[in-house]
C-alpha atoms as a PDB file:
ATOM      1  CA  MET A   1     105.771 112.384  87.301  1.00  0.00           C
ATOM      2  CA  GLN A   2     103.550 111.024  89.915  1.00  0.00           C
ATOM      3  CA  ASN A   3     101.353 113.772  91.965  1.00  0.00           C
ATOM      4  CA  TYR A   4     102.790 114.367  95.170  1.00  0.00           C
ATOM      5  CA  PHE A   5      99.936 112.917  96.684  1.00  0.00           C
ATOM      6  CA  ASN A   6      99.990 109.610  95.222  1.00  0.00           C
ATOM      7  CA  TYR A   7     103.326 108.574  96.789  1.00  0.00           C
ATOM      8  CA  PHE A   8     100.883 108.087  99.915  1.00  0.00           C
ATOM      9  CA  THR A   9      98.023 107.096  98.838  1.00  0.00           C
ATOM     10  CA  GLU A  10      98.917 104.475  96.082  1.00  0.00           C
ATOM     11  CA  ILE A  11     101.201 102.937  98.728  1.00  0.00           C
ATOM     12  CA  GLU A  12      98.613 102.501 100.994  1.00  0.00           C
ATOM     13  CA  GLU A  13      95.898 101.385  98.327  1.00  0.00           C
ATOM     14  CA  ARG A  14      98.308  98.458  97.419  1.00  0.00           C
ATOM     15  CA  PHE A  15      99.252  97.449 100.567  1.00  0.00           C
ATOM     16  CA  GLN A  16      95.045  97.489 101.323  1.00  0.00           C
ATOM     17  CA  GLN A  17      94.920  95.564  97.946  1.00  0.00           C
ATOM     18  CA  ARG A  18      97.328  92.545  98.571  1.00  0.00           C
ATOM     19  CA  ARG A  19      96.739  92.630 102.088  1.00  0.00           C
ATOM     20  CA  GLY A  20      92.782  91.462 100.967  1.00  0.00           C
ATOM     21  CA  SER A  21      90.901  93.246 103.723  1.00  0.00           C
ATOM     22  CA  LEU A  22      90.970  97.434 104.373  1.00  0.00           C
ATOM     23  CA  LEU A  23      93.156  98.135 107.753  1.00  0.00           C
ATOM     24  CA  LEU A  24      93.868 101.582 108.044  1.00  0.00           C
ATOM     25  CA  LEU A  25      97.773 102.340 108.238  1.00  0.00           C
ATOM     26  CA  SER A  26      99.440 103.096 111.557  1.00  0.00           C
ATOM     27  CA  THR A  27     101.559 106.024 112.520  1.00  0.00           C
ATOM     28  CA  LEU A  28     104.720 103.830 112.054  1.00  0.00           C
ATOM     29  CA  ASP A  29     103.442 103.267 108.544  1.00  0.00           C
ATOM     30  CA  TRP A  30     103.124 106.424 107.702  1.00  0.00           C
ATOM     31  CA  ALA A  31     106.617 107.337 109.480  1.00  0.00           C
ATOM     32  CA  LEU A  32     108.208 104.527 107.213  1.00  0.00           C
ATOM     33  CA  ILE A  33     106.209 106.429 103.918  1.00  0.00           C
ATOM     34  CA  GLU A  34     107.849 109.376 104.809  1.00  0.00           C
ATOM     35  CA  MET A  35     111.001 108.019 105.218  1.00  0.00           C
ATOM     36  CA  TRP A  36     110.905 106.206 101.759  1.00  0.00           C
ATOM     37  CA  ARG A  37     109.618 109.061 100.158  1.00  0.00           C
ATOM     38  CA  ASP A  38     112.912 111.651 101.708  1.00  0.00           C
ATOM     39  CA  ALA A  39     115.397 109.081 100.502  1.00  0.00           C
ATOM     40  CA  GLY A  40     113.731 110.028  96.968  1.00  0.00           C
ATOM     41  CA  LEU A  41     113.008 105.961  96.674  1.00  0.00           C
ATOM     42  CA  PRO A  42     111.090 105.875  93.272  1.00  0.00           C
ATOM     43  CA  LEU A  43     107.254 105.180  93.688  1.00  0.00           C
ATOM     44  CA  GLU A  44     107.034 102.010  91.544  1.00  0.00           C
ATOM     45  CA  ALA A  45     110.145 100.650  93.665  1.00  0.00           C
ATOM     46  CA  VAL A  46     108.044 100.685  96.403  1.00  0.00           C
ATOM     47  CA  LEU A  47     104.821  99.238  95.406  1.00  0.00           C
ATOM     48  CA  ARG A  48     107.005  96.614  93.358  1.00  0.00           C
ATOM     49  CA  GLY A  49     108.709  96.040  96.942  1.00  0.00           C
ATOM     50  CA  ILE A  50     105.445  95.257  98.365  1.00  0.00           C
ATOM     51  CA  ASP A  51     104.291  92.825  95.725  1.00  0.00           C
ATOM     52  CA  ALA A  52     107.451  90.346  96.425  1.00  0.00           C
ATOM     53  CA  ALA A  53     106.657  91.093 100.424  1.00  0.00           C
ATOM     54  CA  PHE A  54     103.662  89.768  99.723  1.00  0.00           C
ATOM     55  CA  ASP A  55     104.901  87.030  96.828  1.00  0.00           C
ATOM     56  CA  LYS A  56     107.599  85.320  99.255  1.00  0.00           C
ATOM     57  CA  TYR A  57     105.086  85.365 102.376  1.00  0.00           C
ATOM     58  CA  GLU A  58     102.246  83.733 100.632  1.00  0.00           C
ATOM     59  CA  ALA A  59     104.579  81.045  99.098  1.00  0.00           C
ATOM     60  CA  ARG A  60     105.238  80.075 102.583  1.00  0.00           C
ATOM     61  CA  GLN A  61     101.932  79.959 104.285  1.00  0.00           C
ATOM     62  CA  HIS A  62     100.343  76.477 104.084  1.00  0.00           C
ATOM     63  CA  LYS A  63      96.926  76.891 102.137  1.00  0.00           C
ATOM     64  CA  GLY A  64      93.858  77.652 104.535  1.00  0.00           C
ATOM     65  CA  HIS A  65      95.958  78.754 107.474  1.00  0.00           C
ATOM     66  CA  LYS A  66      97.055  82.078 105.879  1.00  0.00           C
ATOM     67  CA  ARG A  67      97.649  84.761 108.734  1.00  0.00           C
ATOM     68  CA  LYS A  68      96.933  88.566 107.810  1.00  0.00           C
ATOM     69  CA  ILE A  69     100.294  90.432 107.305  1.00  0.00           C
ATOM     70  CA  ASN A  70      99.301  93.731 109.880  1.00  0.00           C
ATOM     71  CA  GLY A  71     102.159  96.593 109.349  1.00  0.00           C
ATOM     72  CA  LEU A  72     103.138  98.083 105.931  1.00  0.00           C
ATOM     73  CA  ALA A  73     107.010  97.672 107.797  1.00  0.00           C
ATOM     74  CA  TRP A  74     106.732  94.325 107.219  1.00  0.00           C
ATOM     75  CA  CYS A  75     107.499  95.017 103.005  1.00  0.00           C
ATOM     76  CA  ALA A  76     110.095  97.349 104.623  1.00  0.00           C
ATOM     77  CA  GLN A  77     113.296  94.227 103.587  1.00  0.00           C
ATOM     78  CA  ALA A  78     112.056  94.365 100.546  1.00  0.00           C
ATOM     79  CA  VAL A  79     111.052  97.726  99.415  1.00  0.00           C
ATOM     80  CA  MET A  80     114.979  98.166  99.392  1.00  0.00           C
ATOM     81  CA  GLU A  81     116.022  95.515  97.725  1.00  0.00           C
ATOM     82  CA  THR A  82     113.543  96.327  95.007  1.00  0.00           C
ATOM     83  CA  ALA A  83     114.910  99.720  94.742  1.00  0.00           C
ATOM     84  CA  GLU A  84     118.823  98.875  94.653  1.00  0.00           C
ATOM     85  CA  GLU A  85     117.726  96.484  91.898  1.00  0.00           C
ATOM     86  CA  MET A  86     116.130  99.825  90.347  1.00  0.00           C
ATOM     87  CA  ARG A  87     118.965 101.224  90.715  1.00  0.00           C
ATOM     88  CA  GLU A  88     121.303  99.271  89.686  1.00  0.00           C
ATOM     89  CA  ALA A  89     119.413  98.841  86.481  1.00  0.00           C
ATOM     90  CA  ALA A  90     119.312 102.319  86.059  1.00  0.00           C
ATOM     91  CA  ALA A  91     122.813 103.080  86.145  1.00  0.00           C
ATOM     92  CA  GLY A  92     124.270 105.026  83.310  1.00  0.00           C
ATOM     93  CA  ALA A  93     120.511 105.652  81.913  1.00  0.00           C
ATOM     94  CA  SER A  94     119.214 108.880  81.174  1.00  0.00           C
ATOM     95  CA  THR A  95     115.970 109.010  82.795  1.00  0.00           C
ATOM     96  CA  GLU A  96     116.301 110.025  86.403  1.00  0.00           C
ATOM     97  CA  THR A  97     114.389 107.878  88.914  1.00  0.00           C
ATOM     98  CA  LYS A  98     114.824 109.170  91.618  1.00  0.00           C
ATOM     99  CA  TYR A  99     110.615 110.784  93.053  1.00  0.00           C
ATOM    100  CA  THR A 100     111.010 114.672  93.713  1.00  0.00           C
ATOM    101  CA  GLY A 101     107.193 115.032  94.127  1.00  0.00           C
ATOM    102  CA  THR A 102     106.931 118.186  91.422  1.00  0.00           C
ATOM    103  CA  ASP A 103     103.981 116.955  89.774  1.00  0.00           C
ATOM    104  CA  GLU A 104     101.794 120.586  89.468  1.00  0.00           C
ATOM    105  CA  THR A 105      97.816 118.623  89.828  1.00  0.00           C
ATOM    106  CA  GLY A 106      95.949 120.255  92.934  1.00  0.00           C
ATOM    107  CA  PHE A 107      98.677 122.779  93.808  1.00  0.00           C
ATOM    108  CA  GLU A 108      96.398 125.843  93.048  1.00  0.00           C
ATOM    109  CA  HIS A 109      98.326 128.890  94.386  1.00  0.00           C
ATOM    110  CA  GLU A 110      95.207 129.925  96.370  1.00  0.00           C
ATOM    111  CA  ARG A 111      94.882 126.148  98.203  1.00  0.00           C
ATOM    112  CA  VAL A 112      98.623 126.019  98.802  1.00  0.00           C
ATOM    113  CA  ALA A 113      98.237 129.440 100.683  1.00  0.00           C
ATOM    114  CA  ALA A 114      95.323 128.932 102.599  1.00  0.00           C
ATOM    115  CA  HIS A 115      96.855 126.126 104.021  1.00  0.00           C
ATOM    116  CA  LEU A 116      99.888 127.636 105.272  1.00  0.00           C
ATOM    117  CA  ASP A 117      97.240 130.326 106.773  1.00  0.00           C
ATOM    118  CA  ALA A 118      95.862 127.074 108.486  1.00  0.00           C
ATOM    119  CA  ALA A 119      99.375 126.284 110.221  1.00  0.00           C
ATOM    120  CA  ALA A 120     100.254 129.627 110.926  1.00  0.00           C
ATOM    121  CA  ALA A 121      97.211 129.920 112.687  1.00  0.00           C
ATOM    122  CA  ALA A 122      97.581 126.774 114.687  1.00  0.00           C
ATOM    123  CA  LEU A 123     100.718 127.625 115.804  1.00  0.00           C
ATOM    124  CA  ASP A 124      99.393 130.947 116.986  1.00  0.00           C
ATOM    125  CA  GLY A 125      97.749 128.593 120.013  1.00  0.00           C
ATOM    126  CA  ALA A 126     100.829 126.631 120.465  1.00  0.00           C
ATOM    127  CA  THR A 127     101.375 126.511 124.362  1.00  0.00           C
ATOM    128  CA  VAL A 128     105.040 125.233 124.433  1.00  0.00           C
ATOM    129  CA  ALA A 129     108.031 126.753 122.382  1.00  0.00           C
ATOM    130  CA  THR A 130     106.155 130.071 121.798  1.00  0.00           C
ATOM    131  CA  GLY A 131     109.186 132.020 120.185  1.00  0.00           C
ATOM    132  CA  VAL A 132     109.755 129.763 117.916  1.00  0.00           C
ATOM    133  CA  CYS A 133     105.837 128.884 117.016  1.00  0.00           C
ATOM    134  CA  ALA A 134     105.893 132.463 115.972  1.00  0.00           C
ATOM    135  CA  ALA A 135     108.369 133.164 113.979  1.00  0.00           C
ATOM    136  CA  THR A 136     107.347 129.807 112.328  1.00  0.00           C
ATOM    137  CA  ALA A 137     103.845 131.263 112.032  1.00  0.00           C
ATOM    138  CA  ALA A 138     105.336 134.601 110.549  1.00  0.00           C
ATOM    139  CA  ARG A 139     107.506 133.255 108.186  1.00  0.00           C
ATOM    140  CA  LEU A 140     104.719 130.365 106.935  1.00  0.00           C
ATOM    141  CA  ARG A 141     102.269 134.315 106.576  1.00  0.00           C
ATOM    142  CA  GLU A 142     104.880 135.979 104.381  1.00  0.00           C
ATOM    143  CA  ILE A 143     105.505 132.126 102.386  1.00  0.00           C
ATOM    144  CA  ALA A 144     101.577 132.116 101.617  1.00  0.00           C
ATOM    145  CA  GLY A 145     101.845 135.910 100.297  1.00  0.00           C
ATOM    146  CA  GLU A 146     104.387 135.090  98.070  1.00  0.00           C
ATOM    147  CA  VAL A 147     102.280 132.135  96.615  1.00  0.00           C
ATOM    148  CA  ARG A 148      99.291 134.393  96.620  1.00  0.00           C
ATOM    149  CA  ALA A 149     101.527 137.265  94.612  1.00  0.00           C
ATOM    150  CA  ALA A 150     103.148 134.664  92.146  1.00  0.00           C
ATOM    151  CA  ASP A 151     101.562 134.835  88.470  1.00  0.00           C
ATOM    152  CA  ALA A 152      98.474 132.140  88.560  1.00  0.00           C
ATOM    153  CA  LYS A 153      98.931 131.024  84.979  1.00  0.00           C
ATOM    154  CA  LYS A 154     102.960 129.690  85.896  1.00  0.00           C
ATOM    155  CA  PRO A 155     102.893 126.237  88.162  1.00  0.00           C
ATOM    156  CA  LEU A 156     104.604 126.895  91.459  1.00  0.00           C
ATOM    157  CA  GLU A 157     107.957 125.402  92.111  1.00  0.00           C
ATOM    158  CA  THR A 158     106.826 122.931  94.898  1.00  0.00           C
ATOM    159  CA  GLU A 159     109.454 121.447  94.997  1.00  0.00           C
ATOM    160  CA  ALA A 160     111.283 124.173  96.171  1.00  0.00           C
ATOM    161  CA  LEU A 161     108.466 125.248  98.423  1.00  0.00           C
ATOM    162  CA  GLU A 162     108.520 121.468 100.255  1.00  0.00           C
ATOM    163  CA  ARG A 163     112.581 122.177 101.135  1.00  0.00           C
ATOM    164  CA  ASN A 164     111.521 125.296 102.518  1.00  0.00           C
ATOM    165  CA  LEU A 165     108.523 123.717 104.949  1.00  0.00           C
ATOM    166  CA  THR A 166     110.770 120.742 105.456  1.00  0.00           C
ATOM    167  CA  VAL A 167     113.408 123.038 107.617  1.00  0.00           C
ATOM    168  CA  LEU A 168     110.933 124.991 108.978  1.00  0.00           C
ATOM    169  CA  GLU A 169     109.291 121.662 110.434  1.00  0.00           C
ATOM    170  CA  GLU A 170     112.679 120.877 111.421  1.00  0.00           C
ATOM    171  CA  LYS A 171     113.829 123.623 113.684  1.00  0.00           C
ATOM    172  CA  LEU A 172     110.072 123.519 114.833  1.00  0.00           C
ATOM    173  CA  PHE A 173     110.611 119.419 116.606  1.00  0.00           C
ATOM    174  CA  ALA A 174     114.413 120.787 117.504  1.00  0.00           C
ATOM    175  CA  ALA A 175     112.554 123.710 119.642  1.00  0.00           C
ATOM    176  CA  LEU A 176     109.612 121.101 120.931  1.00  0.00           C
ATOM    177  CA  THR A 177     112.553 118.854 121.703  1.00  0.00           C
ATOM    178  CA  THR A 178     113.865 121.137 123.489  1.00  0.00           C
ATOM    179  CA  ALA A 179     110.856 121.989 125.140  1.00  0.00           C
ATOM    180  CA  ALA A 180     109.779 119.028 125.911  1.00  0.00           C
ATOM    181  CA  PRO A 181     109.678 116.995 128.909  1.00  0.00           C
ATOM    182  CA  GLU A 182     112.144 114.074 129.353  1.00  0.00           C
ATOM    183  CA  ASP A 183     109.774 111.967 130.506  1.00  0.00           C
ATOM    184  CA  LEU A 184     107.101 112.846 127.570  1.00  0.00           C
ATOM    185  CA  LEU A 185     110.109 111.909 125.034  1.00  0.00           C
ATOM    186  CA  VAL A 186     111.089 108.800 126.483  1.00  0.00           C
ATOM    187  CA  GLY A 187     107.550 107.436 126.436  1.00  0.00           C
ATOM    188  CA  LEU A 188     107.509 108.317 122.732  1.00  0.00           C
ATOM    189  CA  LYS A 189     110.729 107.020 122.043  1.00  0.00           C
ATOM    190  CA  GLU A 190     109.616 103.735 123.868  1.00  0.00           C
ATOM    191  CA  HIS A 191     106.664 103.609 122.092  1.00  0.00           C
ATOM    192  CA  ALA A 192     108.309 103.875 118.806  1.00  0.00           C
ATOM    193  CA  ALA A 193     110.329 100.834 119.917  1.00  0.00           C
ATOM    194  CA  ARG A 194     107.299  98.966 120.950  1.00  0.00           C
ATOM    195  CA  GLU A 195     105.595  99.383 117.777  1.00  0.00           C
ATOM    196  CA  LEU A 196     109.047  98.735 115.524  1.00  0.00           C
ATOM    197  CA  ALA A 197     109.998  94.978 117.686  1.00  0.00           C
ATOM    198  CA  PRO A 198     108.168  93.184 115.392  1.00  0.00           C
ATOM    199  CA  TYR A 199     110.088  94.146 112.348  1.00  0.00           C
ATOM    200  CA  ARG A 200     113.433  94.952 113.528  1.00  0.00           C
ATOM    201  CA  SER A 201     115.004  91.876 111.842  1.00  0.00           C
ATOM    202  CA  ARG A 202     113.543  93.347 108.407  1.00  0.00           C
ATOM    203  CA  MET A 203     115.725  96.775 108.988  1.00  0.00           C
ATOM    204  CA  GLY A 204     118.310  97.543 108.710  1.00  0.00           C
ATOM    205  CA  ALA A 205     119.902  99.916 112.270  1.00  0.00           C
ATOM    206  CA  VAL A 206     119.805 103.232 109.606  1.00  0.00           C
ATOM    207  CA  GLN A 207     116.629 102.700 108.694  1.00  0.00           C
ATOM    208  CA  LEU A 208     115.364 101.678 112.249  1.00  0.00           C
ATOM    209  CA  ARG A 209     116.618 105.408 113.513  1.00  0.00           C
ATOM    210  CA  GLN A 210     115.203 106.810 110.635  1.00  0.00           C
ATOM    211  CA  VAL A 211     111.470 105.075 110.500  1.00  0.00           C
ATOM    212  CA  GLU A 212     112.259 105.823 114.715  1.00  0.00           C
ATOM    213  CA  HIS A 213     113.037 109.825 114.135  1.00  0.00           C
ATOM    214  CA  GLN A 214     109.794 110.317 112.182  1.00  0.00           C
ATOM    215  CA  PHE A 215     107.650 108.461 114.023  1.00  0.00           C
ATOM    216  CA  VAL A 216     108.443 110.614 117.559  1.00  0.00           C
ATOM    217  CA  GLN A 217     108.402 113.794 115.719  1.00  0.00           C
ATOM    218  CA  LYS A 218     104.850 112.381 114.649  1.00  0.00           C
ATOM    219  CA  GLN A 219     103.727 111.962 117.728  1.00  0.00           C
ATOM    220  CA  LEU A 220     104.970 115.236 119.079  1.00  0.00           C
ATOM    221  CA  LEU A 221     103.471 117.554 116.959  1.00  0.00           C
ATOM    222  CA  ALA A 222     100.202 115.524 117.839  1.00  0.00           C
ATOM    223  CA  HIS A 223     100.901 115.697 121.607  1.00  0.00           C
ATOM    224  CA  TYR A 224     100.943 119.724 121.092  1.00  0.00           C
ATOM    225  CA  ASN A 225      98.413 119.576 118.673  1.00  0.00           C
ATOM    226  CA  LEU A 226     100.631 121.474 116.348  1.00  0.00           C
ATOM    227  CA  PRO A 227     100.283 120.960 112.603  1.00  0.00           C
ATOM    228  CA  ARG A 228     102.352 119.000 109.660  1.00  0.00           C
ATOM    229  CA  LEU A 229     103.490 121.803 107.512  1.00  0.00           C
ATOM    230  CA  SER A 230     104.260 119.741 104.118  1.00  0.00           C
ATOM    231  CA  LEU A 231     101.761 120.248 101.076  1.00  0.00           C
ATOM    232  CA  PHE A 232     101.168 116.494 101.320  1.00  0.00           C
ATOM    233  CA  TYR A 233      99.064 117.562 104.727  1.00  0.00           C
ATOM    234  CA  MET A 234      96.703 120.086 102.734  1.00  0.00           C
ATOM    235  CA  SER A 235      93.150 119.520 102.884  1.00  0.00           C
ATOM    236  CA  GLN A 236      91.431 117.303 100.089  1.00  0.00           C
ATOM    237  CA  GLU A 237      88.378 119.465 100.280  1.00  0.00           C
END
């Protein structure tokens, strides 16, 4: 089972490796990776899809006149096709291919609890949807207490914990969406549309909506300086 963090970092590293130069992933790129993870796409499918997209692109380019692929979204169609091929190949097999993120490496009890406490502290300073933010902060501290009280010799049930955090984050996002000014939300959606425009022909309608949702969610939380709750966003220090 792949380490939870590796799902993000290995995708980033493979994209940079195939591109041939360092390029920091954009907010759109990270939103796309989150969508793949949430959809349960295996890491191997994403990596193979990236390779397939670059192989196809490079085969079309005239020698000495290659342009760089500047966004992970260029690989989206190939990733989905590869995932479907792997799903069909695995049909009837006993091995589960879906990525669940349950590897425990790096999920020490105190580290997880500290992440939850830090997110709660950030929510204490919220200036919008204060009631929901306060309730979320209280719940995070409650969960942090449960994590600290758990048997340190046993691995945390990170899959269940991540589901709880996802629910809390979705409720927080819903409250922010309700409280945010209309012009802010329109601006974020227009920003998402501009970012997605070059890749619309390479994504299906459902995939586009999902990526836009992730993009707007990340931008809205950033606008109000509120934290991400997912375990992926734990400090690496």
